Protein backbone atom coordinates (compact mmCIF):
# COMPACT_ATOMS: atom_id res chain seq x y z
CA UNK A 1 13.86 14.05 58.64
CA UNK A 2 13.32 12.24 61.92
CA UNK A 3 16.43 10.51 63.26
CA UNK A 4 15.60 6.92 64.21
CA UNK A 5 19.22 5.84 64.72
CA UNK A 6 18.81 5.83 68.53
CA UNK A 7 15.81 3.50 68.46
CA UNK A 8 17.64 0.20 68.93
CA UNK A 9 16.24 -2.63 70.99
CA UNK A 10 18.66 -1.98 73.85
CA UNK A 11 18.03 1.77 73.95
CA UNK A 12 14.26 1.28 73.88
CA UNK A 13 14.44 -1.33 76.65
CA UNK A 14 16.69 0.88 78.79
CA UNK A 15 14.28 3.80 78.40
CA UNK A 16 11.31 1.64 79.46
CA UNK A 17 13.20 0.20 82.43
CA UNK A 18 14.10 3.75 83.51
CA UNK A 19 10.37 4.35 83.92
CA UNK A 20 10.12 1.49 86.41
CA UNK A 21 10.75 2.23 90.10
CA UNK A 22 14.17 1.24 91.40
CA UNK A 23 12.39 -0.45 94.28
CA UNK A 24 11.43 -3.25 91.91
CA UNK A 25 13.74 -5.93 90.52
CA UNK A 26 14.47 -5.09 86.90
CA UNK A 27 17.77 -6.88 86.43
CA UNK A 28 18.52 -9.13 83.45
CA UNK A 29 16.23 -12.18 83.77
CA UNK A 30 13.77 -10.51 86.13
CA UNK A 31 10.04 -10.69 85.44
CA UNK A 32 9.90 -7.01 84.47
CA UNK A 33 12.89 -7.22 82.14
CA UNK A 34 11.58 -10.45 80.62
CA UNK A 35 8.23 -8.78 79.95
CA UNK A 36 9.68 -5.61 78.45
CA UNK A 37 12.36 -7.32 76.28
CA UNK A 38 10.00 -8.63 73.55
CA UNK A 39 8.21 -5.28 73.46
CA UNK A 40 11.54 -3.53 72.84
CA UNK A 41 12.32 -5.94 69.99
CA UNK A 42 8.91 -5.27 68.42
CA UNK A 43 9.26 -1.49 68.75
CA UNK A 44 12.71 -1.57 67.16
CA UNK A 45 11.18 -3.26 64.11
CA UNK A 46 8.42 -0.65 64.04
CA UNK A 47 10.97 2.18 64.04
CA UNK A 48 12.91 0.45 61.27
CA UNK A 49 9.72 0.34 59.20
CA UNK A 50 9.06 4.02 59.92
CA UNK A 51 12.61 4.89 58.87
CA UNK A 52 12.17 2.92 55.65
CA UNK A 53 8.85 4.64 54.90
CA UNK A 54 10.41 8.04 55.56
CA UNK A 55 13.37 7.41 53.25
CA UNK A 56 11.25 5.87 50.49
CA UNK A 57 8.89 8.84 50.46
CA UNK A 58 11.70 11.38 49.98
CA UNK A 59 13.17 11.74 46.45
CA UNK A 60 16.65 12.30 47.90
CA UNK A 61 16.76 8.89 49.59
CA UNK A 62 14.12 6.79 47.79
CA UNK A 63 15.26 3.83 45.69
CA UNK A 64 13.77 1.63 43.01
CA UNK A 65 9.99 1.57 42.80
CA UNK A 66 9.72 4.07 45.66
CA UNK A 67 11.70 6.59 43.63
CA UNK A 68 9.43 5.92 40.65
CA UNK A 69 6.43 6.88 42.79
CA UNK A 70 8.15 10.09 43.91
CA UNK A 71 9.18 11.39 40.49
CA UNK A 72 5.85 10.64 38.82
CA UNK A 73 4.52 13.73 40.62
CA UNK A 74 6.60 15.76 38.13
CA UNK A 75 5.39 13.64 35.20
CA UNK A 76 8.82 11.99 35.05
CA UNK A 77 9.17 8.26 34.52
CA UNK A 78 12.15 5.91 34.47
CA UNK A 79 13.48 5.06 31.02
CA UNK A 80 13.01 1.30 30.53
CA UNK A 81 15.63 -1.00 29.04
CA UNK A 82 15.33 -1.24 25.27
CA UNK A 83 16.69 -3.98 23.00
CA UNK A 84 19.36 -3.39 20.40
CA UNK A 85 18.42 -3.58 16.74
CA UNK A 86 21.31 -4.77 14.58
CA UNK A 87 21.93 -5.39 10.91
CA UNK A 88 22.08 -9.05 9.90
CA UNK A 89 23.77 -10.27 6.72
CA UNK A 90 22.75 -13.55 5.08
CA UNK A 91 23.49 -15.44 1.87
CA UNK A 92 19.76 -16.04 1.23
CA UNK A 93 16.43 -14.47 2.09
CA UNK A 94 15.23 -15.59 5.51
CA UNK A 95 11.75 -15.72 7.09
CA UNK A 96 10.74 -12.96 9.47
CA UNK A 97 10.79 -14.19 13.07
CA UNK A 98 13.78 -16.51 12.60
CA UNK A 99 15.99 -16.87 15.68
CA UNK A 100 19.79 -16.65 15.79
CA UNK A 101 22.35 -16.95 18.58
CA UNK A 102 25.65 -15.12 18.95
CA UNK A 103 28.78 -17.25 19.24
CA UNK A 104 30.43 -15.89 22.39
CA UNK A 105 29.97 -18.58 25.03
CA UNK A 106 28.21 -17.72 28.27
CA UNK A 107 27.55 -14.17 27.02
CA UNK A 108 25.63 -15.33 23.95
CA UNK A 109 22.35 -13.62 23.12
CA UNK A 110 19.40 -14.50 20.92
CA UNK A 111 18.29 -12.21 18.07
CA UNK A 112 15.06 -12.35 16.07
CA UNK A 113 14.93 -11.39 12.42
CA UNK A 114 12.67 -8.54 11.40
CA UNK A 115 12.03 -6.66 8.19
CA UNK A 116 14.13 -6.98 5.04
CA UNK A 117 16.38 -3.94 4.45
CA UNK A 118 18.26 -4.40 1.20
CA UNK A 119 20.23 -6.75 -1.06
CA UNK A 120 23.69 -6.15 -2.46
CA UNK A 121 25.91 -8.52 -4.44
CA UNK A 122 24.02 -11.58 -3.25
CA UNK A 123 24.04 -10.54 0.43
CA UNK A 124 20.64 -9.99 2.04
CA UNK A 125 20.38 -7.47 4.88
CA UNK A 126 17.75 -7.77 7.63
CA UNK A 127 16.95 -6.13 10.95
CA UNK A 128 17.79 -8.30 13.96
CA UNK A 129 16.27 -7.43 17.33
CA UNK A 130 17.88 -8.69 20.51
CA UNK A 131 15.52 -10.73 22.70
CA UNK A 132 17.27 -9.38 25.81
CA UNK A 133 16.67 -5.65 26.45
CA UNK A 134 19.70 -3.59 27.39
CA UNK A 135 23.10 -2.48 26.15
CA UNK A 136 24.48 -6.04 26.04
CA UNK A 137 22.99 -6.43 22.56
CA UNK A 138 25.30 -3.70 21.24
CA UNK A 139 28.58 -5.52 21.77
CA UNK A 140 28.89 -8.63 19.62
CA UNK A 141 29.95 -8.43 15.97
CA UNK A 142 30.60 -11.59 13.98
CA UNK A 143 29.03 -14.83 12.80
CA UNK A 144 25.79 -16.03 14.33
CA UNK A 145 24.26 -19.49 14.61
CA UNK A 146 20.70 -20.16 13.40
CA UNK A 147 18.32 -21.62 15.95
CA UNK A 148 15.49 -21.74 13.46
CA UNK A 149 16.14 -24.28 10.67
CA UNK A 150 16.55 -22.38 7.37
CA UNK A 151 17.21 -24.41 4.23
CA UNK A 152 20.12 -23.16 2.13
CA UNK A 153 21.54 -20.82 4.78
CA UNK A 154 25.34 -21.08 4.79
CA UNK A 155 26.36 -17.63 5.99
CA UNK A 156 24.90 -15.54 8.85
CA UNK A 157 26.60 -12.47 10.28
CA UNK A 158 25.58 -9.69 12.67
CA UNK A 159 26.96 -6.25 11.91
CA UNK A 160 26.38 -2.60 12.67
CA UNK A 161 23.99 -1.13 15.22
CA UNK A 162 20.76 0.23 13.77
CA UNK A 163 19.18 1.18 17.11
CA UNK A 164 21.37 1.00 20.19
CA UNK A 165 20.11 -1.08 23.09
CA UNK A 166 19.92 0.82 26.39
CA UNK A 167 19.82 -0.35 29.99
CA UNK A 168 17.08 0.64 32.40
CA UNK A 169 17.72 4.10 33.79
CA UNK A 170 19.54 4.02 37.11
CA UNK A 171 18.30 5.68 40.28
CA UNK A 172 20.96 8.42 40.25
CA UNK A 173 20.08 9.51 36.72
CA UNK A 174 16.34 9.48 37.43
CA UNK A 175 16.82 11.40 40.68
CA UNK A 176 19.00 13.97 38.91
CA UNK A 177 16.34 14.56 36.22
CA UNK A 178 13.73 15.00 38.93
CA UNK A 179 15.60 17.72 40.81
CA UNK A 180 16.73 19.48 37.64
CA UNK A 181 13.08 19.82 36.64
CA UNK A 182 12.77 22.42 39.43
CA UNK A 183 15.73 24.56 38.31
CA UNK A 184 14.03 26.47 35.50
CA UNK A 185 10.47 26.28 34.28
CA UNK A 186 10.22 24.29 31.06
CA UNK A 187 8.36 26.38 28.50
CA UNK A 188 7.92 26.56 24.73
CA UNK A 189 11.40 25.72 23.52
CA UNK A 190 13.53 27.35 26.20
CA UNK A 191 16.77 25.65 27.25
CA UNK A 192 15.07 23.84 30.14
CA UNK A 193 12.50 22.39 27.76
CA UNK A 194 15.19 20.99 25.46
CA UNK A 195 17.14 19.59 28.41
CA UNK A 196 14.14 17.93 30.05
CA UNK A 197 12.87 16.30 26.86
CA UNK A 198 16.25 15.13 25.57
CA UNK A 199 17.41 13.74 28.93
CA UNK A 200 14.19 11.73 29.11
CA UNK A 201 15.07 9.90 25.87
CA UNK A 202 16.47 6.42 26.44
CA UNK A 203 20.21 6.24 25.83
CA UNK A 204 20.97 9.91 26.55
CA UNK A 205 23.13 10.68 29.58
CA UNK A 206 23.88 14.40 29.18
CA UNK A 207 23.14 17.33 26.88
CA UNK A 208 24.55 20.75 26.06
CA UNK A 209 22.12 23.23 24.44
CA UNK A 210 23.44 26.07 22.26
CA UNK A 211 20.85 28.68 21.17
CA UNK A 212 20.86 30.60 17.89
CA UNK A 213 23.28 33.33 19.00
CA UNK A 214 25.91 30.63 19.71
CA UNK A 215 25.12 28.44 16.72
CA UNK A 216 24.15 29.51 13.19
CA UNK A 217 21.90 32.49 13.73
CA UNK A 218 18.19 33.02 14.09
CA UNK A 219 16.00 29.95 14.21
CA UNK A 220 18.86 27.48 14.76
CA UNK A 221 19.66 25.43 17.87
CA UNK A 222 22.43 22.92 18.51
CA UNK A 223 22.04 20.14 21.07
CA UNK A 224 25.10 18.00 21.74
CA UNK A 225 24.47 14.76 23.61
CA UNK A 226 26.37 11.98 25.33
CA UNK A 227 25.25 8.39 25.67
CA UNK A 228 24.07 7.08 29.02
CA UNK A 229 27.63 5.86 29.60
CA UNK A 230 28.84 9.51 29.28
CA UNK A 231 30.72 8.68 26.11
CA UNK A 232 30.06 10.11 22.63
CA UNK A 233 26.59 9.00 21.58
CA UNK A 234 26.24 6.23 19.00
CA UNK A 235 24.94 7.28 15.56
CA UNK A 236 21.68 5.39 16.20
CA UNK A 237 21.06 7.41 19.38
CA UNK A 238 21.82 10.69 17.59
CA UNK A 239 19.38 9.77 14.83
CA UNK A 240 16.71 8.77 17.35
CA UNK A 241 17.01 12.05 19.26
CA UNK A 242 17.05 14.04 16.01
CA UNK A 243 13.79 12.43 14.89
CA UNK A 244 12.13 13.11 18.23
CA UNK A 245 13.29 16.71 18.58
CA UNK A 246 13.43 18.02 15.03
CA UNK A 247 13.21 15.53 12.16
CA UNK A 248 14.01 16.34 8.53
CA UNK A 249 11.21 16.17 5.98
CA UNK A 250 10.73 15.30 2.32
CA UNK A 251 13.89 13.22 2.21
CA UNK A 252 16.12 16.16 3.15
CA UNK A 253 19.12 15.76 5.43
CA UNK A 254 18.73 19.05 7.29
CA UNK A 255 16.29 19.28 10.21
CA UNK A 256 13.00 20.93 9.37
CA UNK A 257 11.92 24.12 11.16
CA UNK A 258 8.24 23.34 10.55
CA UNK A 259 7.58 21.95 14.01
CA UNK A 260 7.20 18.23 13.30
CA UNK A 261 9.09 17.26 16.45
CA UNK A 262 9.29 18.59 19.98
CA UNK A 263 11.01 21.78 18.78
CA UNK A 264 8.64 24.73 18.24
CA UNK A 265 7.78 26.00 14.78
CA UNK A 266 10.61 28.08 13.39
CA UNK A 267 13.41 26.28 15.21
CA UNK A 268 15.79 24.08 13.23
CA UNK A 269 17.52 21.90 15.80
CA UNK A 270 20.69 19.93 15.03
CA UNK A 271 21.64 16.98 17.23
CA UNK A 272 25.32 16.09 17.49
CA UNK A 273 27.70 14.56 20.01
CA UNK A 274 31.03 15.32 21.65
CA UNK A 275 34.49 14.25 20.53
CA UNK A 276 36.81 12.37 22.85
CA UNK A 277 39.99 14.12 23.94
CA UNK A 278 42.52 11.46 24.89
CA UNK A 279 44.64 12.37 27.90
CA UNK A 280 48.06 10.72 28.19
CA UNK A 281 49.45 11.10 31.69
CA UNK A 282 52.96 10.72 33.04
CA UNK A 283 53.94 11.20 36.68
CA UNK A 284 56.57 10.46 39.30
CA UNK A 285 55.30 8.41 42.23
CA UNK A 286 57.07 7.70 45.49
CA UNK A 287 55.94 4.54 47.28
CA UNK A 288 56.42 3.70 50.93
CA UNK A 289 59.64 1.89 51.85
CA UNK A 290 57.75 -1.35 52.46
CA UNK A 291 56.59 -1.57 48.83
CA UNK A 292 58.65 -3.44 46.26
CA UNK A 293 57.96 -3.09 42.53
CA UNK A 294 55.35 -0.42 43.27
CA UNK A 295 54.77 0.56 39.66
CA UNK A 296 53.89 -2.99 38.58
CA UNK A 297 51.89 -3.60 41.73
CA UNK A 298 49.79 -0.43 41.60
CA UNK A 299 49.64 0.47 37.89
CA UNK A 300 46.06 -0.74 37.47
CA UNK A 301 44.80 0.80 40.71
CA UNK A 302 46.39 4.16 39.84
CA UNK A 303 44.67 4.11 36.45
CA UNK A 304 41.36 3.29 38.16
CA UNK A 305 41.74 6.25 40.54
CA UNK A 306 42.39 8.60 37.63
CA UNK A 307 39.40 7.11 35.79
CA UNK A 308 37.21 7.80 38.83
CA UNK A 309 38.25 11.45 38.78
CA UNK A 310 37.64 11.76 35.02
CA UNK A 311 34.21 10.23 35.56
CA UNK A 312 33.42 13.07 37.98
CA UNK A 313 34.55 15.56 35.33
CA UNK A 314 32.32 13.93 32.71
CA UNK A 315 29.31 14.05 35.02
CA UNK A 316 29.47 17.87 34.94
CA UNK A 317 29.74 18.01 31.12
CA UNK A 318 26.12 19.06 30.58
CA UNK A 319 25.93 21.63 33.40
CA UNK A 320 25.93 25.21 32.04
CA UNK A 321 27.75 27.98 33.86
CA UNK A 322 25.51 30.26 35.92
CA UNK A 323 25.92 33.29 33.64
CA UNK A 324 23.70 35.36 31.37
CA UNK A 325 25.37 33.75 28.36
CA UNK A 326 24.98 30.02 27.65
CA UNK A 327 28.44 28.59 28.34
CA UNK A 328 29.87 25.24 29.33
CA UNK A 329 33.29 24.62 30.86
CA UNK A 330 35.20 21.44 31.61
CA UNK A 331 38.67 21.36 33.13
CA UNK A 332 40.91 18.47 34.13
CA UNK A 333 43.04 19.66 37.04
CA UNK A 334 46.55 18.38 37.71
CA UNK A 335 45.98 18.82 41.46
CA UNK A 336 42.90 16.58 41.36
CA UNK A 337 44.84 13.85 39.57
CA UNK A 338 47.49 14.06 42.30
CA UNK A 339 44.80 13.92 44.99
CA UNK A 340 43.10 10.90 43.42
CA UNK A 341 46.38 8.95 43.25
CA UNK A 342 47.26 9.84 46.85
CA UNK A 343 44.12 8.00 48.01
CA UNK A 344 46.16 4.79 47.67
CA UNK A 345 47.69 4.19 51.14
CA UNK A 346 51.14 2.98 49.98
CA UNK A 347 51.75 6.09 47.86
CA UNK A 348 53.45 8.89 49.79
CA UNK A 349 54.06 11.48 47.06
CA UNK A 350 53.09 12.32 43.48
CA UNK A 351 55.04 14.85 41.44
CA UNK A 352 55.80 16.05 37.91
CA UNK A 353 52.35 15.23 36.58
CA UNK A 354 52.09 15.92 32.86
CA UNK A 355 48.88 15.78 30.82
CA UNK A 356 49.62 15.38 27.12
CA UNK A 357 53.14 16.61 27.84
CA UNK A 358 52.07 19.72 29.76
CA UNK A 359 52.19 20.41 33.47
CA UNK A 360 49.18 22.75 33.19
CA UNK A 361 45.51 22.02 33.75
CA UNK A 362 43.63 21.00 30.60
CA UNK A 363 40.66 23.15 29.56
CA UNK A 364 38.48 21.17 27.19
CA UNK A 365 36.78 22.93 24.29
CA UNK A 366 33.06 23.38 24.87
CA UNK A 367 31.64 25.53 22.08
CA UNK A 368 28.91 25.18 19.48
CA UNK A 369 31.60 24.23 16.94
CA UNK A 370 33.27 21.56 19.09
CA UNK A 371 32.42 19.80 22.34
CA UNK A 372 35.01 17.59 24.00
CA UNK A 373 34.82 14.84 26.60
CA UNK A 374 37.95 13.48 28.32
CA UNK A 375 39.07 9.89 27.97
CA UNK A 376 42.09 8.33 29.64
CA UNK A 377 44.90 7.31 27.33
CA UNK A 378 48.21 5.88 28.49
CA UNK A 379 49.47 6.31 32.06
CA UNK A 380 53.26 6.21 32.42
CA UNK A 381 54.54 5.97 36.00
CA UNK A 382 58.08 6.65 37.06
CA UNK A 383 58.55 4.93 40.40
CA UNK A 384 60.52 6.22 43.36
């Protein structure tokens, strides 16, 4: 890429003045300098525009709509935000299209009633779709207030998630999908094909693919997914991916190998998700002499630094090892925890770090039978 960092107004003006004979007056305020100054300002703006065009036309540096235009060349598009669909519980039947509001102050959201689901012991269950797309519609559970007047309604409650709401895909995720599309050619049910299709589904943040030799024999495939927050996927996301990749048929629970989804004929694909492995950490920390009550003062920041490191670990969860056998590996290193804590200026030493009572690195289980993802538990700090 062309480096435009040296194209400031002053540098451009100095270069132009260097082309003028020293026999002429070109000091600040002279006619020549006064004439060239505005030109230098204009050219600096032009170079800024050129730099912006250059960055927005390169997938590595493009952002927003410019990145969308770059990745469309690989038939990749940004996953839009999708609204949550929740289960509503009411004491009477309600009209479709009725509006309700959650009771959580400034964070309240509006839901619209959809189709009737079932009735049990005088409670009527309906679909409720959030009017605001995104993951915010997944959070609230509890009573809701009717906006639409409904005669006889005395009880309204919003419950479980039927379809999880997802936020618009971020630039980093979209860019990552774009570059991964070059790694291996996607073809007829190979691992790259599963990865590319599943990662393009809204709400999916990572995937591990286990072929038949690692799973349950010929014709079987296991795909374990994480949500877009790199946590175990919600049941609604798992169900959505299952139906897209390899749905069951004729009311059966098992996925059908008859090719009704993305999976090729003959492949029975099971979609699952990882289990969280809680990591409890204890450590001795020595603070600088100027710090009083260091543990109380820095407890939260230390936890945040460890969380940042674990986030890096989770981001590599779906990356297979470069071997001839499909394998995944995830390790939480004691040394990296120490390094992350030492980024805090007032901490001078970290020692005796234990993860779940052990001073050894933690190798998470990543097999077809069990996939783990780390989550931070308690952090106990012994100050020095």
